[in-house]
N, C-alpha and C. Protein backbone atom coordinates (compact mmCIF):
# COMPACT_ATOMS: atom_id res chain seq x y z
N MET A 1 65.55 180.05 19.09
CA MET A 1 66.97 180.16 18.89
C MET A 1 67.46 179.14 17.87
N PRO A 2 66.99 179.23 16.63
CA PRO A 2 67.39 178.23 15.64
C PRO A 2 68.85 178.34 15.22
N PHE A 3 69.51 179.45 15.43
CA PHE A 3 70.91 179.61 15.04
C PHE A 3 71.86 179.06 16.09
N ILE A 4 71.36 178.68 17.25
CA ILE A 4 72.19 178.07 18.30
C ILE A 4 72.16 176.56 18.08
N ARG A 5 73.30 176.00 17.73
CA ARG A 5 73.37 174.59 17.38
C ARG A 5 73.57 173.70 18.60
N ALA A 6 74.10 174.25 19.68
CA ALA A 6 74.33 173.48 20.91
C ALA A 6 73.76 174.27 22.10
N PRO A 7 72.45 174.19 22.33
CA PRO A 7 71.83 175.00 23.38
C PRO A 7 72.39 174.74 24.77
N LYS A 8 72.78 173.51 25.07
CA LYS A 8 73.32 173.20 26.39
C LYS A 8 74.64 173.93 26.62
N ASP A 9 75.53 173.90 25.64
CA ASP A 9 76.81 174.62 25.75
C ASP A 9 76.59 176.13 25.77
N PHE A 10 75.64 176.60 24.99
CA PHE A 10 75.37 178.04 24.94
C PHE A 10 74.92 178.55 26.31
N CYS A 11 73.99 177.84 26.93
CA CYS A 11 73.49 178.25 28.25
C CYS A 11 74.58 178.13 29.31
N ALA A 12 75.40 177.09 29.25
CA ALA A 12 76.51 176.94 30.20
C ALA A 12 77.47 178.12 30.05
N GLY A 13 77.75 178.53 28.81
CA GLY A 13 78.61 179.67 28.57
C GLY A 13 78.04 180.95 29.15
N LEU A 14 76.74 181.14 28.99
CA LEU A 14 76.10 182.33 29.55
C LEU A 14 76.17 182.34 31.08
N ILE A 15 76.04 181.17 31.69
CA ILE A 15 76.15 181.08 33.15
C ILE A 15 77.56 181.43 33.59
N PHE A 16 78.58 180.95 32.87
CA PHE A 16 79.96 181.30 33.18
C PHE A 16 80.16 182.81 33.09
N VAL A 17 79.64 183.41 32.03
CA VAL A 17 79.77 184.86 31.85
C VAL A 17 79.08 185.60 32.99
N ALA A 18 77.90 185.15 33.38
CA ALA A 18 77.18 185.81 34.48
C ALA A 18 77.95 185.73 35.79
N PHE A 19 78.52 184.56 36.08
CA PHE A 19 79.32 184.43 37.30
C PHE A 19 80.59 185.27 37.23
N GLY A 20 81.17 185.36 36.04
CA GLY A 20 82.36 186.20 35.87
C GLY A 20 82.05 187.66 36.11
N ILE A 21 80.94 188.13 35.59
CA ILE A 21 80.53 189.53 35.80
C ILE A 21 80.25 189.77 37.28
N ALA A 22 79.58 188.81 37.92
CA ALA A 22 79.29 188.95 39.35
C ALA A 22 80.58 188.99 40.17
N ALA A 23 81.56 188.15 39.83
CA ALA A 23 82.83 188.14 40.56
C ALA A 23 83.54 189.48 40.41
N ILE A 24 83.55 190.04 39.21
CA ILE A 24 84.19 191.34 38.99
C ILE A 24 83.45 192.43 39.74
N ALA A 25 82.12 192.41 39.68
CA ALA A 25 81.33 193.44 40.36
C ALA A 25 81.53 193.37 41.88
N LEU A 26 81.50 192.17 42.44
CA LEU A 26 81.66 192.04 43.89
C LEU A 26 83.09 192.33 44.33
N GLY A 27 84.06 192.01 43.49
CA GLY A 27 85.45 192.24 43.84
C GLY A 27 85.93 193.64 43.55
N SER A 28 85.11 194.44 42.88
CA SER A 28 85.55 195.80 42.51
C SER A 28 85.65 196.74 43.70
N GLU A 29 85.04 196.40 44.83
CA GLU A 29 85.12 197.24 46.02
C GLU A 29 86.46 197.09 46.75
N TYR A 30 87.21 196.03 46.42
CA TYR A 30 88.47 195.76 47.10
C TYR A 30 89.64 196.24 46.26
N PRO A 31 90.73 196.66 46.91
CA PRO A 31 91.89 197.12 46.15
C PRO A 31 92.52 195.98 45.34
N LEU A 32 92.94 196.31 44.13
CA LEU A 32 93.49 195.32 43.21
C LEU A 32 94.91 194.93 43.57
N GLY A 33 95.75 195.90 43.86
CA GLY A 33 97.16 195.62 44.12
C GLY A 33 97.90 195.39 42.82
N THR A 34 99.03 194.71 42.88
CA THR A 34 99.82 194.39 41.70
C THR A 34 100.03 192.89 41.64
N ALA A 35 100.64 192.43 40.56
CA ALA A 35 100.90 191.00 40.43
C ALA A 35 101.88 190.53 41.51
N ALA A 36 102.80 191.40 41.90
CA ALA A 36 103.77 191.04 42.93
C ALA A 36 103.17 191.14 44.33
N ARG A 37 102.29 192.10 44.55
CA ARG A 37 101.63 192.29 45.86
C ARG A 37 100.13 192.38 45.63
N MET A 38 99.53 191.21 45.51
CA MET A 38 98.10 191.13 45.19
C MET A 38 97.25 191.63 46.35
N GLY A 39 96.26 192.44 46.01
CA GLY A 39 95.30 192.89 47.00
C GLY A 39 94.12 191.93 47.05
N PRO A 40 93.17 192.17 47.95
CA PRO A 40 92.02 191.26 48.08
C PRO A 40 91.11 191.25 46.86
N GLY A 41 91.20 192.25 46.00
CA GLY A 41 90.36 192.28 44.80
C GLY A 41 91.00 191.63 43.59
N TYR A 42 92.26 191.23 43.70
CA TYR A 42 92.99 190.69 42.56
C TYR A 42 92.40 189.36 42.08
N PHE A 43 92.27 188.41 42.99
CA PHE A 43 91.78 187.07 42.62
C PHE A 43 90.36 187.11 42.05
N PRO A 44 89.40 187.81 42.70
CA PRO A 44 88.04 187.82 42.12
C PRO A 44 88.01 188.41 40.71
N ARG A 45 88.81 189.44 40.46
CA ARG A 45 88.80 190.04 39.13
C ARG A 45 89.43 189.12 38.10
N ILE A 46 90.56 188.53 38.43
CA ILE A 46 91.20 187.62 37.48
C ILE A 46 90.30 186.41 37.21
N LEU A 47 89.72 185.87 38.26
CA LEU A 47 88.80 184.74 38.10
C LEU A 47 87.59 185.15 37.26
N GLY A 48 87.05 186.34 37.51
CA GLY A 48 85.92 186.83 36.73
C GLY A 48 86.27 186.98 35.26
N ILE A 49 87.44 187.51 34.97
CA ILE A 49 87.86 187.67 33.58
C ILE A 49 88.01 186.31 32.91
N LEU A 50 88.62 185.36 33.62
CA LEU A 50 88.77 184.01 33.05
C LEU A 50 87.42 183.35 32.80
N LEU A 51 86.48 183.53 33.72
CA LEU A 51 85.15 182.96 33.53
C LEU A 51 84.44 183.59 32.33
N ILE A 52 84.59 184.89 32.16
CA ILE A 52 83.96 185.56 31.02
C ILE A 52 84.56 185.07 29.71
N VAL A 53 85.89 184.95 29.66
CA VAL A 53 86.54 184.48 28.44
C VAL A 53 86.12 183.04 28.14
N LEU A 54 86.14 182.18 29.16
CA LEU A 54 85.74 180.78 28.97
C LEU A 54 84.28 180.68 28.54
N GLY A 55 83.41 181.41 29.22
CA GLY A 55 81.99 181.37 28.88
C GLY A 55 81.70 181.94 27.51
N GLY A 56 82.38 183.03 27.17
CA GLY A 56 82.20 183.60 25.83
C GLY A 56 82.65 182.64 24.75
N GLY A 57 83.79 181.99 24.96
CA GLY A 57 84.27 181.00 23.99
C GLY A 57 83.33 179.82 23.86
N LEU A 58 82.81 179.35 24.97
CA LEU A 58 81.88 178.22 24.95
C LEU A 58 80.59 178.59 24.23
N SER A 59 80.09 179.79 24.48
CA SER A 59 78.86 180.23 23.82
C SER A 59 79.07 180.44 22.33
N LEU A 60 80.20 181.01 21.95
CA LEU A 60 80.48 181.19 20.52
C LEU A 60 80.66 179.85 19.82
N ARG A 61 81.30 178.91 20.49
CA ARG A 61 81.48 177.56 19.94
C ARG A 61 80.12 176.90 19.72
N ALA A 62 79.17 177.18 20.62
CA ALA A 62 77.84 176.58 20.52
C ALA A 62 77.07 177.08 19.31
N LEU A 63 77.50 178.20 18.74
CA LEU A 63 76.83 178.71 17.54
C LEU A 63 77.29 177.98 16.28
N ARG A 64 78.47 177.35 16.34
CA ARG A 64 79.04 176.72 15.15
C ARG A 64 78.94 175.20 15.16
N LEU A 65 79.19 174.58 16.32
CA LEU A 65 79.24 173.12 16.38
C LEU A 65 77.95 172.55 16.95
N PRO A 66 77.46 171.46 16.38
CA PRO A 66 76.24 170.84 16.92
C PRO A 66 76.51 170.22 18.29
N GLY A 67 75.49 170.20 19.10
CA GLY A 67 75.63 169.64 20.44
C GLY A 67 74.30 169.22 21.00
N ALA A 68 74.32 168.87 22.26
CA ALA A 68 73.12 168.34 22.94
C ALA A 68 72.11 169.45 23.23
N ALA A 69 70.86 169.04 23.22
CA ALA A 69 69.78 169.96 23.58
C ALA A 69 69.71 170.09 25.10
N LEU A 70 68.97 171.08 25.55
CA LEU A 70 68.80 171.25 27.00
C LEU A 70 67.92 170.13 27.54
N PRO A 71 68.33 169.51 28.64
CA PRO A 71 67.48 168.47 29.23
C PRO A 71 66.30 169.10 29.95
N GLY A 72 65.32 168.28 30.26
CA GLY A 72 64.17 168.77 31.02
C GLY A 72 64.59 169.16 32.43
N TRP A 73 63.88 170.10 33.02
CA TRP A 73 64.20 170.61 34.35
C TRP A 73 63.65 169.66 35.40
N LYS A 74 64.50 169.26 36.34
CA LYS A 74 64.10 168.37 37.42
C LYS A 74 64.17 169.15 38.73
N TRP A 75 63.03 169.35 39.37
CA TRP A 75 62.96 170.16 40.58
C TRP A 75 63.47 169.44 41.82
N ARG A 76 63.23 168.14 41.92
CA ARG A 76 63.59 167.41 43.14
C ARG A 76 65.07 167.53 43.48
N PRO A 77 65.99 167.24 42.56
CA PRO A 77 67.41 167.36 42.92
C PRO A 77 67.81 168.78 43.30
N VAL A 78 67.27 169.75 42.60
CA VAL A 78 67.61 171.15 42.91
C VAL A 78 67.16 171.51 44.33
N LEU A 79 65.94 171.16 44.65
CA LEU A 79 65.42 171.49 45.98
C LEU A 79 66.13 170.72 47.09
N VAL A 80 66.44 169.45 46.85
CA VAL A 80 67.13 168.65 47.87
C VAL A 80 68.52 169.22 48.15
N VAL A 81 69.27 169.56 47.10
CA VAL A 81 70.62 170.11 47.28
C VAL A 81 70.56 171.47 47.96
N LEU A 82 69.67 172.35 47.51
CA LEU A 82 69.55 173.67 48.14
C LEU A 82 69.14 173.56 49.60
N LEU A 83 68.18 172.71 49.89
CA LEU A 83 67.73 172.53 51.27
C LEU A 83 68.85 171.95 52.14
N SER A 84 69.64 171.02 51.60
CA SER A 84 70.73 170.44 52.39
C SER A 84 71.79 171.49 52.70
N VAL A 85 72.05 172.41 51.80
CA VAL A 85 73.03 173.48 52.07
C VAL A 85 72.50 174.43 53.14
N VAL A 86 71.22 174.75 53.09
CA VAL A 86 70.61 175.63 54.10
C VAL A 86 70.66 174.96 55.47
N VAL A 87 70.32 173.67 55.53
CA VAL A 87 70.36 172.94 56.80
C VAL A 87 71.80 172.87 57.33
N PHE A 88 72.77 172.67 56.44
CA PHE A 88 74.18 172.69 56.84
C PHE A 88 74.53 174.00 57.52
N GLY A 89 74.14 175.12 56.92
CA GLY A 89 74.43 176.42 57.51
C GLY A 89 73.76 176.61 58.85
N LEU A 90 72.55 176.10 59.01
CA LEU A 90 71.84 176.26 60.27
C LEU A 90 72.41 175.37 61.38
N LEU A 91 72.93 174.21 61.01
CA LEU A 91 73.40 173.25 62.01
C LEU A 91 74.90 173.33 62.29
N LEU A 92 75.63 174.11 61.52
CA LEU A 92 77.09 174.13 61.64
C LEU A 92 77.56 174.47 63.05
N THR A 93 76.99 175.49 63.67
CA THR A 93 77.45 175.88 65.01
C THR A 93 76.97 174.91 66.08
N ARG A 94 75.87 174.19 65.83
CA ARG A 94 75.35 173.26 66.83
C ARG A 94 76.02 171.88 66.75
N LEU A 95 76.19 171.36 65.52
CA LEU A 95 76.73 170.01 65.35
C LEU A 95 78.23 170.00 65.08
N GLY A 96 78.79 171.11 64.71
CA GLY A 96 80.21 171.16 64.36
C GLY A 96 80.42 170.89 62.89
N LEU A 97 81.61 171.21 62.42
CA LEU A 97 81.93 171.09 61.00
C LEU A 97 81.93 169.64 60.53
N ALA A 98 82.45 168.74 61.32
CA ALA A 98 82.56 167.34 60.89
C ALA A 98 81.19 166.71 60.64
N LEU A 99 80.32 166.75 61.62
CA LEU A 99 79.00 166.13 61.47
C LEU A 99 78.12 166.86 60.46
N SER A 100 78.22 168.19 60.43
CA SER A 100 77.43 168.97 59.46
C SER A 100 77.84 168.65 58.03
N THR A 101 79.14 168.48 57.81
CA THR A 101 79.61 168.16 56.46
C THR A 101 79.17 166.76 56.04
N VAL A 102 79.28 165.80 56.94
CA VAL A 102 78.81 164.45 56.63
C VAL A 102 77.32 164.48 56.30
N GLY A 103 76.54 165.21 57.09
CA GLY A 103 75.11 165.33 56.83
C GLY A 103 74.81 166.00 55.50
N LEU A 104 75.57 167.05 55.19
CA LEU A 104 75.39 167.76 53.92
C LEU A 104 75.64 166.83 52.74
N ILE A 105 76.75 166.12 52.76
CA ILE A 105 77.10 165.24 51.64
C ILE A 105 76.08 164.10 51.53
N PHE A 106 75.69 163.54 52.65
CA PHE A 106 74.71 162.45 52.62
C PHE A 106 73.37 162.94 52.07
N ALA A 107 72.89 164.08 52.56
CA ALA A 107 71.60 164.60 52.12
C ALA A 107 71.64 165.03 50.65
N ALA A 108 72.69 165.71 50.23
CA ALA A 108 72.79 166.16 48.85
C ALA A 108 72.93 164.97 47.90
N SER A 109 73.60 163.92 48.34
CA SER A 109 73.74 162.72 47.51
C SER A 109 72.39 162.03 47.30
N ALA A 110 71.50 162.20 48.25
CA ALA A 110 70.18 161.58 48.14
C ALA A 110 69.36 162.18 47.01
N ALA A 111 69.80 163.29 46.43
CA ALA A 111 69.08 163.90 45.32
C ALA A 111 69.23 163.08 44.04
N SER A 112 70.25 162.24 43.98
CA SER A 112 70.50 161.45 42.78
C SER A 112 69.71 160.15 42.80
N ARG A 113 69.33 159.71 41.62
CA ARG A 113 68.64 158.42 41.51
C ARG A 113 69.61 157.26 41.77
N GLU A 114 70.90 157.52 41.63
CA GLU A 114 71.91 156.49 41.85
C GLU A 114 72.49 156.56 43.26
N PHE A 115 71.72 157.04 44.19
CA PHE A 115 72.15 157.22 45.58
C PHE A 115 72.51 155.89 46.21
N ARG A 116 73.71 155.84 46.78
CA ARG A 116 74.17 154.66 47.53
C ARG A 116 74.61 155.15 48.90
N PRO A 117 73.89 154.77 49.95
CA PRO A 117 74.17 155.30 51.29
C PRO A 117 75.61 155.07 51.76
N LYS A 118 76.16 153.90 51.50
CA LYS A 118 77.52 153.60 51.96
C LYS A 118 78.53 154.53 51.30
N GLU A 119 78.41 154.73 49.97
CA GLU A 119 79.32 155.62 49.26
C GLU A 119 79.16 157.06 49.72
N ALA A 120 77.92 157.48 49.96
CA ALA A 120 77.68 158.84 50.43
C ALA A 120 78.29 159.06 51.80
N LEU A 121 78.20 158.06 52.66
CA LEU A 121 78.77 158.17 54.00
C LEU A 121 80.30 158.24 53.95
N VAL A 122 80.92 157.40 53.12
CA VAL A 122 82.37 157.42 52.99
C VAL A 122 82.82 158.77 52.41
N SER A 123 82.14 159.24 51.37
CA SER A 123 82.47 160.55 50.79
C SER A 123 82.31 161.66 51.81
N GLY A 124 81.24 161.58 52.59
CA GLY A 124 81.00 162.60 53.62
C GLY A 124 82.10 162.63 54.66
N VAL A 125 82.54 161.46 55.10
CA VAL A 125 83.62 161.40 56.11
C VAL A 125 84.91 161.95 55.53
N LEU A 126 85.26 161.56 54.31
CA LEU A 126 86.49 162.06 53.69
C LEU A 126 86.45 163.58 53.48
N LEU A 127 85.32 164.09 52.98
CA LEU A 127 85.19 165.53 52.77
C LEU A 127 85.15 166.30 54.08
N ALA A 128 84.58 165.70 55.11
CA ALA A 128 84.58 166.35 56.43
C ALA A 128 86.00 166.47 56.96
N ALA A 129 86.79 165.40 56.80
CA ALA A 129 88.19 165.46 57.23
C ALA A 129 88.95 166.52 56.45
N LEU A 130 88.70 166.61 55.15
CA LEU A 130 89.34 167.63 54.33
C LEU A 130 88.91 169.03 54.76
N ALA A 131 87.62 169.22 55.02
CA ALA A 131 87.11 170.53 55.44
C ALA A 131 87.71 170.94 56.77
N VAL A 132 87.80 170.02 57.71
CA VAL A 132 88.41 170.33 59.01
C VAL A 132 89.88 170.68 58.83
N GLY A 133 90.57 169.91 58.01
CA GLY A 133 91.98 170.17 57.77
C GLY A 133 92.23 171.53 57.14
N VAL A 134 91.42 171.86 56.14
CA VAL A 134 91.62 173.13 55.42
C VAL A 134 91.16 174.31 56.26
N PHE A 135 89.94 174.29 56.75
CA PHE A 135 89.36 175.47 57.38
C PHE A 135 89.77 175.67 58.83
N VAL A 136 89.83 174.59 59.60
CA VAL A 136 90.15 174.74 61.02
C VAL A 136 91.66 174.77 61.25
N PHE A 137 92.37 173.80 60.68
CA PHE A 137 93.81 173.72 60.93
C PHE A 137 94.62 174.57 59.96
N GLY A 138 94.25 174.56 58.68
CA GLY A 138 95.01 175.31 57.69
C GLY A 138 94.77 176.80 57.74
N LEU A 139 93.51 177.21 57.68
CA LEU A 139 93.16 178.63 57.66
C LEU A 139 92.90 179.20 59.05
N LYS A 140 92.90 178.35 60.05
CA LYS A 140 92.72 178.77 61.45
C LYS A 140 91.39 179.50 61.68
N LEU A 141 90.34 179.07 60.99
CA LEU A 141 89.02 179.65 61.22
C LEU A 141 88.44 179.08 62.51
N VAL A 142 87.70 179.92 63.21
CA VAL A 142 87.11 179.49 64.47
C VAL A 142 85.75 178.87 64.18
N ILE A 143 85.79 177.57 63.89
CA ILE A 143 84.59 176.79 63.60
C ILE A 143 84.65 175.57 64.51
N PRO A 144 83.57 175.28 65.24
CA PRO A 144 83.61 174.08 66.07
C PRO A 144 83.68 172.82 65.20
N ILE A 145 84.52 171.89 65.60
CA ILE A 145 84.67 170.65 64.83
C ILE A 145 83.59 169.65 65.23
N TRP A 146 83.31 169.55 66.52
CA TRP A 146 82.32 168.61 67.05
C TRP A 146 81.27 169.38 67.85
N PRO A 147 80.14 168.77 68.16
CA PRO A 147 79.15 169.44 69.00
C PRO A 147 79.74 169.78 70.36
N GLY A 148 79.53 170.99 70.80
CA GLY A 148 80.00 171.44 72.10
C GLY A 148 81.47 171.80 72.16
N SER A 149 82.18 171.77 71.02
CA SER A 149 83.61 172.11 71.05
C SER A 149 83.85 173.57 70.69
N GLY A 150 82.79 174.34 70.51
CA GLY A 150 82.95 175.74 70.11
C GLY A 150 83.01 176.63 71.28
């Protein structure tokens, strides 16, 4: 790809476009509605269109302006983050949202070479409080907050 001057931006743009297409495809089964009375398919389609436009612009920009090359692929952080999300999903009903979220943030933070346990724990507690506030109290989802509270 010698005509691509910024491979990192070009690939990021392609990823945005792919997610935009996926959002439109998955949201196409739901009714669109109107701007005044939005249906369940309205947001995914609008978001998909915005992602496609943003990704297309980023990829086209990468053809003209010089930029950074693609970095080498590091498997450890990818696997640690993916595994921590899977463990979060498996433990959510047993440990509750608060403890599962703290564990997720702590474990995913361990993927970084700059991992600091105290900062990860504080971030986990703050994000757990936010998750409980949004999902349990705000959206009224039936998710146990603590072990045995479900």
